[in-house]
Amino acid sequence: MIDIFINYLPELTRGLIISLQLTVVGLVFGAILGLFLALVKVFGGKWTRRLAVGYIELFRGTPILVQLFVIYFGFPQLGLTLSRMTSAFLVLALNSAAYQAEYFRGAIQAIGSGQMMAARSIGMTRGQAISSIILPQAARIVIPAWSNEPISLLKASAVVFLIAVPDLMTQAKIIAARTYEPIDTYVIVAVFYLAIVFILTQVMVFAEKRLRIPGLEVDAQRV
């Protein structure tokens, strides 16, 4: 196992970098789309809310593997051919957006409706109230729930090895075929994932403590 780690560390590192790139890009674009969907679901009209709900239920209710195959293998039949990396980025962002939309929606609805009424009463438009009062508070409230998303997305990114994106899992498959040591190889990969998940968890815990709104956190000792 140690020999595999030493001899193939460059390949594993390249794969890890691609996995992290997929996670970061999927997370960022998923957050942008997810926030839009959450705002539509909370503040939109009847039909726009239905469209947002339909999108969220579609991507939360179907396996990410199916979504990946539809985009990578299905889109060319419609005349739209995407590269492996583009397909991977797209499916992770679209899938993550559905989950992040629900995190953001819950945080937005946790803000009392009285704050919107108070903002409108002093002359703010609805958009100003949302951007200046509702969203800054929601951004801090959402962290405990949202902190699961980077970890989930990192692990979900492993599915892209099925379309030969050279991520960490693909590198592991190649190394296992070369060394005939699949167990040792995948144990090493598992350690890589565990290390990154541990780091992400600590970062999220730190952010949650720093950005916690006094009076809104749950007091575990009194539950």
C-alpha atoms as a PDB file:
ATOM      1  CA  MET A   1       0.000   0.000   0.000  1.00  0.00           C
ATOM      2  CA  ILE A   2       2.797   2.434   0.866  1.00  0.00           C
ATOM      3  CA  ASP A   3       4.556   1.621  -2.410  1.00  0.00           C
ATOM      4  CA  ILE A   4       1.386   2.414  -4.371  1.00  0.00           C
ATOM      5  CA  PHE A   5       0.980   5.693  -2.509  1.00  0.00           C
ATOM      6  CA  ILE A   6       4.572   6.770  -3.169  1.00  0.00           C
ATOM      7  CA  ASN A   7       4.762   5.614  -6.784  1.00  0.00           C
ATOM      8  CA  TYR A   8       1.397   6.988  -7.862  1.00  0.00           C
ATOM      9  CA  LEU A   9       1.136  10.090  -5.700  1.00  0.00           C
ATOM     10  CA  PRO A  10       1.394  12.461  -8.726  1.00  0.00           C
ATOM     11  CA  GLU A  11      -1.529  10.722 -10.472  1.00  0.00           C
ATOM     12  CA  LEU A  12      -3.599  10.688  -7.291  1.00  0.00           C
ATOM     13  CA  THR A  13      -2.852  14.357  -6.697  1.00  0.00           C
ATOM     14  CA  ARG A  14      -3.931  15.295 -10.219  1.00  0.00           C
ATOM     15  CA  GLY A  15      -7.128  13.334  -9.748  1.00  0.00           C
ATOM     16  CA  LEU A  16      -7.776  14.992  -6.401  1.00  0.00           C
ATOM     17  CA  ILE A  17      -7.298  18.444  -7.908  1.00  0.00           C
ATOM     18  CA  ILE A  18      -9.876  17.682 -10.597  1.00  0.00           C
ATOM     19  CA  SER A  19     -12.305  16.345  -7.980  1.00  0.00           C
ATOM     20  CA  LEU A  20     -11.899  19.557  -5.989  1.00  0.00           C
ATOM     21  CA  GLN A  21     -12.362  21.667  -9.126  1.00  0.00           C
ATOM     22  CA  LEU A  22     -15.586  19.831  -9.914  1.00  0.00           C
ATOM     23  CA  THR A  23     -16.789  20.344  -6.342  1.00  0.00           C
ATOM     24  CA  VAL A  24     -15.969  24.051  -6.183  1.00  0.00           C
ATOM     25  CA  VAL A  25     -17.450  24.912  -9.587  1.00  0.00           C
ATOM     26  CA  GLY A  26     -20.557  22.826  -8.931  1.00  0.00           C
ATOM     27  CA  LEU A  27     -20.960  24.427  -5.513  1.00  0.00           C
ATOM     28  CA  VAL A  28     -20.568  28.018  -6.714  1.00  0.00           C
ATOM     29  CA  PHE A  29     -22.852  27.788  -9.735  1.00  0.00           C
ATOM     30  CA  GLY A  30     -25.250  25.618  -7.762  1.00  0.00           C
ATOM     31  CA  ALA A  31     -25.417  28.316  -5.079  1.00  0.00           C
ATOM     32  CA  ILE A  32     -26.213  31.017  -7.636  1.00  0.00           C
ATOM     33  CA  LEU A  33     -28.974  29.001  -9.271  1.00  0.00           C
ATOM     34  CA  GLY A  34     -30.162  27.603  -5.938  1.00  0.00           C
ATOM     35  CA  LEU A  35     -30.556  31.080  -4.425  1.00  0.00           C
ATOM     36  CA  PHE A  36     -32.534  32.183  -7.473  1.00  0.00           C
ATOM     37  CA  LEU A  37     -34.810  29.148  -7.162  1.00  0.00           C
ATOM     38  CA  ALA A  38     -35.296  29.774  -3.452  1.00  0.00           C
ATOM     39  CA  LEU A  39     -36.262  33.398  -4.043  1.00  0.00           C
ATOM     40  CA  VAL A  40     -38.702  32.356  -6.745  1.00  0.00           C
ATOM     41  CA  LYS A  41     -40.199  29.687  -4.504  1.00  0.00           C
ATOM     42  CA  VAL A  42     -40.681  32.101  -1.601  1.00  0.00           C
ATOM     43  CA  PHE A  43     -41.483  35.378  -3.347  1.00  0.00           C
ATOM     44  CA  GLY A  44     -42.465  34.383  -6.879  1.00  0.00           C
ATOM     45  CA  GLY A  45     -45.864  34.156  -8.495  1.00  0.00           C
ATOM     46  CA  LYS A  46     -48.017  31.056  -8.745  1.00  0.00           C
ATOM     47  CA  TRP A  47     -46.593  29.690 -11.997  1.00  0.00           C
ATOM     48  CA  THR A  48     -42.970  30.631 -11.346  1.00  0.00           C
ATOM     49  CA  ARG A  49     -43.183  28.889  -7.976  1.00  0.00           C
ATOM     50  CA  ARG A  50     -44.497  25.773  -9.681  1.00  0.00           C
ATOM     51  CA  LEU A  51     -41.609  25.825 -12.141  1.00  0.00           C
ATOM     52  CA  ALA A  52     -39.109  26.177  -9.298  1.00  0.00           C
ATOM     53  CA  VAL A  53     -40.736  23.326  -7.381  1.00  0.00           C
ATOM     54  CA  GLY A  54     -40.738  21.161 -10.500  1.00  0.00           C
ATOM     55  CA  TYR A  55     -37.024  21.756 -11.061  1.00  0.00           C
ATOM     56  CA  ILE A  56     -36.166  21.022  -7.439  1.00  0.00           C
ATOM     57  CA  GLU A  57     -38.225  17.838  -7.304  1.00  0.00           C
ATOM     58  CA  LEU A  58     -36.825  16.625 -10.627  1.00  0.00           C
ATOM     59  CA  PHE A  59     -33.186  16.917  -9.609  1.00  0.00           C
ATOM     60  CA  ARG A  60     -33.708  15.780  -6.023  1.00  0.00           C
ATOM     61  CA  GLY A  61     -35.908  12.895  -7.055  1.00  0.00           C
ATOM     62  CA  THR A  62     -33.696  11.313  -9.721  1.00  0.00           C
ATOM     63  CA  PRO A  63     -30.237   9.732  -9.301  1.00  0.00           C
ATOM     64  CA  ILE A  64     -27.309  11.953 -10.223  1.00  0.00           C
ATOM     65  CA  LEU A  65     -25.998   9.082 -12.372  1.00  0.00           C
ATOM     66  CA  VAL A  66     -29.124   9.248 -14.533  1.00  0.00           C
ATOM     67  CA  GLN A  67     -28.754  13.016 -14.829  1.00  0.00           C
ATOM     68  CA  LEU A  68     -25.127  12.607 -15.885  1.00  0.00           C
ATOM     69  CA  PHE A  69     -25.961  10.039 -18.564  1.00  0.00           C
ATOM     70  CA  VAL A  70     -28.845  12.148 -19.895  1.00  0.00           C
ATOM     71  CA  ILE A  71     -26.585  15.182 -20.261  1.00  0.00           C
ATOM     72  CA  TYR A  72     -23.513  13.382 -21.628  1.00  0.00           C
ATOM     73  CA  PHE A  73     -25.154  10.710 -23.788  1.00  0.00           C
ATOM     74  CA  GLY A  74     -28.602  12.215 -24.366  1.00  0.00           C
ATOM     75  CA  PHE A  75     -27.813  15.798 -25.314  1.00  0.00           C
ATOM     76  CA  PRO A  76     -25.848  14.781 -28.474  1.00  0.00           C
ATOM     77  CA  GLN A  77     -29.067  13.271 -29.829  1.00  0.00           C
ATOM     78  CA  LEU A  78     -30.552  16.758 -29.557  1.00  0.00           C
ATOM     79  CA  GLY A  79     -27.603  18.264 -31.425  1.00  0.00           C
ATOM     80  CA  LEU A  80     -25.743  19.492 -28.324  1.00  0.00           C
ATOM     81  CA  THR A  81     -22.478  17.674 -27.677  1.00  0.00           C
ATOM     82  CA  LEU A  82     -20.655  18.552 -24.469  1.00  0.00           C
ATOM     83  CA  SER A  83     -17.174  17.522 -23.384  1.00  0.00           C
ATOM     84  CA  ARG A  84     -16.690  15.189 -20.442  1.00  0.00           C
ATOM     85  CA  MET A  85     -15.588  17.993 -18.126  1.00  0.00           C
ATOM     86  CA  THR A  86     -18.381  20.329 -19.212  1.00  0.00           C
ATOM     87  CA  SER A  87     -20.959  17.594 -18.669  1.00  0.00           C
ATOM     88  CA  ALA A  88     -19.528  16.863 -15.228  1.00  0.00           C
ATOM     89  CA  PHE A  89     -19.515  20.539 -14.217  1.00  0.00           C
ATOM     90  CA  LEU A  90     -23.051  21.005 -15.509  1.00  0.00           C
ATOM     91  CA  VAL A  91     -24.647  18.015 -13.819  1.00  0.00           C
ATOM     92  CA  LEU A  92     -23.003  18.744 -10.466  1.00  0.00           C
ATOM     93  CA  ALA A  93     -24.104  22.387 -10.580  1.00  0.00           C
ATOM     94  CA  LEU A  94     -27.666  21.565 -11.624  1.00  0.00           C
ATOM     95  CA  ASN A  95     -27.992  18.818  -9.027  1.00  0.00           C
ATOM     96  CA  SER A  96     -26.475  20.906  -6.245  1.00  0.00           C
ATOM     97  CA  ALA A  97     -28.748  23.847  -7.084  1.00  0.00           C
ATOM     98  CA  ALA A  98     -31.822  21.781  -6.248  1.00  0.00           C
ATOM     99  CA  TYR A  99     -30.521  20.929  -2.783  1.00  0.00           C
ATOM    100  CA  GLN A 100     -29.117  24.374  -2.082  1.00  0.00           C
ATOM    101  CA  ALA A 101     -32.446  25.926  -3.074  1.00  0.00           C
ATOM    102  CA  GLU A 102     -34.097  24.119  -0.191  1.00  0.00           C
ATOM    103  CA  TYR A 103     -31.390  25.176   2.253  1.00  0.00           C
ATOM    104  CA  PHE A 104     -31.790  28.810   1.199  1.00  0.00           C
ATOM    105  CA  ARG A 105     -35.575  28.614   1.219  1.00  0.00           C
ATOM    106  CA  GLY A 106     -35.614  27.376   4.789  1.00  0.00           C
ATOM    107  CA  ALA A 107     -33.243  30.124   5.903  1.00  0.00           C
ATOM    108  CA  ILE A 108     -35.243  32.846   4.131  1.00  0.00           C
ATOM    109  CA  GLN A 109     -38.487  31.653   5.672  1.00  0.00           C
ATOM    110  CA  ALA A 110     -36.843  31.621   9.095  1.00  0.00           C
ATOM    111  CA  ILE A 111     -36.745  35.429   8.908  1.00  0.00           C
ATOM    112  CA  GLY A 112     -39.942  36.779  10.391  1.00  0.00           C
ATOM    113  CA  SER A 113     -42.428  38.278   7.935  1.00  0.00           C
ATOM    114  CA  GLY A 114     -42.587  41.332  10.180  1.00  0.00           C
ATOM    115  CA  GLN A 115     -39.166  42.393   8.942  1.00  0.00           C
ATOM    116  CA  MET A 116     -40.426  42.626   5.380  1.00  0.00           C
ATOM    117  CA  MET A 117     -43.430  44.618   6.547  1.00  0.00           C
ATOM    118  CA  ALA A 118     -41.223  46.965   8.559  1.00  0.00           C
ATOM    119  CA  ALA A 119     -38.910  47.512   5.583  1.00  0.00           C
ATOM    120  CA  ARG A 120     -41.824  48.294   3.274  1.00  0.00           C
ATOM    121  CA  SER A 121     -43.293  50.665   5.844  1.00  0.00           C
ATOM    122  CA  ILE A 122     -40.164  52.860   5.748  1.00  0.00           C
ATOM    123  CA  GLY A 123     -40.237  53.104   1.979  1.00  0.00           C
ATOM    124  CA  MET A 124     -38.060  50.195   0.865  1.00  0.00           C
ATOM    125  CA  THR A 125     -39.033  48.330  -2.253  1.00  0.00           C
ATOM    126  CA  ARG A 126     -39.506  44.573  -2.050  1.00  0.00           C
ATOM    127  CA  GLY A 127     -36.189  44.011  -3.802  1.00  0.00           C
ATOM    128  CA  GLN A 128     -34.360  46.358  -1.440  1.00  0.00           C
ATOM    129  CA  ALA A 129     -35.848  44.634   1.589  1.00  0.00           C
ATOM    130  CA  ILE A 130     -34.815  41.210   0.277  1.00  0.00           C
ATOM    131  CA  SER A 131     -31.249  42.233  -0.623  1.00  0.00           C
ATOM    132  CA  SER A 132     -30.546  44.477   2.378  1.00  0.00           C
ATOM    133  CA  ILE A 133     -32.459  42.824   5.220  1.00  0.00           C
ATOM    134  CA  ILE A 134     -33.627  39.291   4.432  1.00  0.00           C
ATOM    135  CA  LEU A 135     -30.652  37.813   2.568  1.00  0.00           C
ATOM    136  CA  PRO A 136     -27.849  39.024   4.912  1.00  0.00           C
ATOM    137  CA  GLN A 137     -29.581  37.297   7.822  1.00  0.00           C
ATOM    138  CA  ALA A 138     -30.500  34.203   5.805  1.00  0.00           C
ATOM    139  CA  ALA A 139     -26.890  33.822   4.639  1.00  0.00           C
ATOM    140  CA  ARG A 140     -25.798  33.356   8.244  1.00  0.00           C
ATOM    141  CA  ILE A 141     -28.719  31.181   9.312  1.00  0.00           C
ATOM    142  CA  VAL A 142     -28.269  28.782   6.384  1.00  0.00           C
ATOM    143  CA  ILE A 143     -24.680  27.767   7.236  1.00  0.00           C
ATOM    144  CA  PRO A 144     -25.431  24.782   9.567  1.00  0.00           C
ATOM    145  CA  ALA A 145     -27.676  23.102   6.985  1.00  0.00           C
ATOM    146  CA  TRP A 146     -25.692  24.245   3.947  1.00  0.00           C
ATOM    147  CA  SER A 147     -22.404  22.958   5.388  1.00  0.00           C
ATOM    148  CA  ASN A 148     -23.441  19.443   4.354  1.00  0.00           C
ATOM    149  CA  GLU A 149     -23.503  20.396   0.682  1.00  0.00           C
ATOM    150  CA  PRO A 150     -19.734  20.739  -0.021  1.00  0.00           C
ATOM    151  CA  ILE A 151     -19.154  17.340   1.562  1.00  0.00           C
ATOM    152  CA  SER A 152     -22.043  15.683  -0.277  1.00  0.00           C
ATOM    153  CA  LEU A 153     -20.992  17.224  -3.578  1.00  0.00           C
ATOM    154  CA  LEU A 154     -17.377  16.121  -3.181  1.00  0.00           C
ATOM    155  CA  LYS A 155     -18.511  12.532  -2.698  1.00  0.00           C
ATOM    156  CA  ALA A 156     -21.084  12.777  -5.479  1.00  0.00           C
ATOM    157  CA  SER A 157     -18.389  13.998  -7.878  1.00  0.00           C
ATOM    158  CA  ALA A 158     -16.926  10.481  -7.882  1.00  0.00           C
ATOM    159  CA  VAL A 159     -19.707   9.427 -10.249  1.00  0.00           C
ATOM    160  CA  VAL A 160     -18.013  11.251 -13.143  1.00  0.00           C
ATOM    161  CA  PHE A 161     -15.460   8.461 -13.472  1.00  0.00           C
ATOM    162  CA  LEU A 162     -18.163   6.632 -15.430  1.00  0.00           C
ATOM    163  CA  ILE A 163     -17.696   9.068 -18.324  1.00  0.00           C
ATOM    164  CA  ALA A 164     -13.881   8.943 -18.000  1.00  0.00           C
ATOM    165  CA  VAL A 165     -13.347  12.332 -16.365  1.00  0.00           C
ATOM    166  CA  PRO A 166      -9.823  11.974 -14.852  1.00  0.00           C
ATOM    167  CA  ASP A 167     -10.873  12.622 -11.258  1.00  0.00           C
ATOM    168  CA  LEU A 168      -9.599  10.819  -8.179  1.00  0.00           C
ATOM    169  CA  MET A 169     -11.786   7.750  -8.740  1.00  0.00           C
ATOM    170  CA  THR A 170     -10.713   7.423 -12.373  1.00  0.00           C
ATOM    171  CA  GLN A 171      -7.058   7.606 -11.361  1.00  0.00           C
ATOM    172  CA  ALA A 172      -7.717   4.943  -8.742  1.00  0.00           C
ATOM    173  CA  LYS A 173      -9.305   2.674 -11.359  1.00  0.00           C
ATOM    174  CA  ILE A 174      -6.278   3.101 -13.641  1.00  0.00           C
ATOM    175  CA  ILE A 175      -3.818   2.451 -10.823  1.00  0.00           C
ATOM    176  CA  ALA A 176      -5.724  -0.623  -9.649  1.00  0.00           C
ATOM    177  CA  ALA A 177      -5.617  -2.034 -13.200  1.00  0.00           C
ATOM    178  CA  ARG A 178      -1.866  -1.454 -13.391  1.00  0.00           C
ATOM    179  CA  THR A 179      -0.921  -2.804  -9.967  1.00  0.00           C
ATOM    180  CA  TYR A 180      -3.567  -5.523  -9.579  1.00  0.00           C
ATOM    181  CA  GLU A 181      -4.064  -4.193  -6.047  1.00  0.00           C
ATOM    182  CA  PRO A 182      -7.606  -2.803  -6.052  1.00  0.00           C
ATOM    183  CA  ILE A 183      -8.164  -3.016  -2.302  1.00  0.00           C
ATOM    184  CA  ASP A 184      -4.986  -1.134  -1.410  1.00  0.00           C
ATOM    185  CA  THR A 185      -5.640   1.445  -4.116  1.00  0.00           C
ATOM    186  CA  TYR A 186      -9.205   2.183  -3.085  1.00  0.00           C
ATOM    187  CA  VAL A 187      -8.256   2.310   0.597  1.00  0.00           C
ATOM    188  CA  ILE A 188      -5.733   5.035  -0.277  1.00  0.00           C
ATOM    189  CA  VAL A 189      -8.419   6.909  -2.208  1.00  0.00           C
ATOM    190  CA  ALA A 190     -10.802   6.561   0.742  1.00  0.00           C
ATOM    191  CA  VAL A 191      -8.167   8.142   2.986  1.00  0.00           C
ATOM    192  CA  PHE A 192      -7.872  11.052   0.528  1.00  0.00           C
ATOM    193  CA  TYR A 193     -11.620  11.617   0.674  1.00  0.00           C
ATOM    194  CA  LEU A 194     -11.681  11.308   4.468  1.00  0.00           C
ATOM    195  CA  ALA A 195      -8.924  13.901   4.810  1.00  0.00           C
ATOM    196  CA  ILE A 196     -10.700  16.407   2.569  1.00  0.00           C
ATOM    197  CA  VAL A 197     -14.040  15.819   4.300  1.00  0.00           C
ATOM    198  CA  PHE A 198     -12.394  16.360   7.692  1.00  0.00           C
ATOM    199  CA  ILE A 199     -10.883  19.649   6.525  1.00  0.00           C
ATOM    200  CA  LEU A 200     -14.194  20.816   5.049  1.00  0.00           C
ATOM    201  CA  THR A 201     -16.018  19.901   8.249  1.00  0.00           C
ATOM    202  CA  GLN A 202     -13.612  21.931  10.366  1.00  0.00           C
ATOM    203  CA  VAL A 203     -13.908  24.930   8.038  1.00  0.00           C
ATOM    204  CA  MET A 204     -17.717  24.772   8.205  1.00  0.00           C
ATOM    205  CA  VAL A 205     -17.704  24.480  12.006  1.00  0.00           C
ATOM    206  CA  PHE A 206     -15.420  27.516  12.235  1.00  0.00           C
ATOM    207  CA  ALA A 207     -17.607  29.516   9.839  1.00  0.00           C
ATOM    208  CA  GLU A 208     -20.752  28.567  11.735  1.00  0.00           C
ATOM    209  CA  LYS A 209     -19.292  29.767  15.025  1.00  0.00           C
ATOM    210  CA  ARG A 210     -17.972  33.010  13.556  1.00  0.00           C
ATOM    211  CA  LEU A 211     -21.175  33.917  11.720  1.00  0.00           C
ATOM    212  CA  ARG A 212     -23.729  32.698  14.242  1.00  0.00           C
ATOM    213  CA  ILE A 213     -26.480  35.220  14.973  1.00  0.00           C
ATOM    214  CA  PRO A 214     -26.899  35.571  18.765  1.00  0.00           C
ATOM    215  CA  GLY A 215     -30.320  34.453  19.890  1.00  0.00           C
ATOM    216  CA  LEU A 216     -31.093  32.407  16.762  1.00  0.00           C
ATOM    217  CA  GLU A 217     -28.857  29.420  17.372  1.00  0.00           C
ATOM    218  CA  VAL A 218     -30.242  26.280  18.929  1.00  0.00           C
ATOM    219  CA  ASP A 219     -29.192  25.785  22.526  1.00  0.00           C
ATOM    220  CA  ALA A 220     -28.526  22.056  22.631  1.00  0.00           C
ATOM    221  CA  GLN A 221     -28.439  21.995  26.419  1.00  0.00           C
ATOM    222  CA  ARG A 222     -32.041  23.137  26.636  1.00  0.00           C
ATOM    223  CA  VAL A 223     -33.469  20.811  23.991  1.00  0.00           C
END
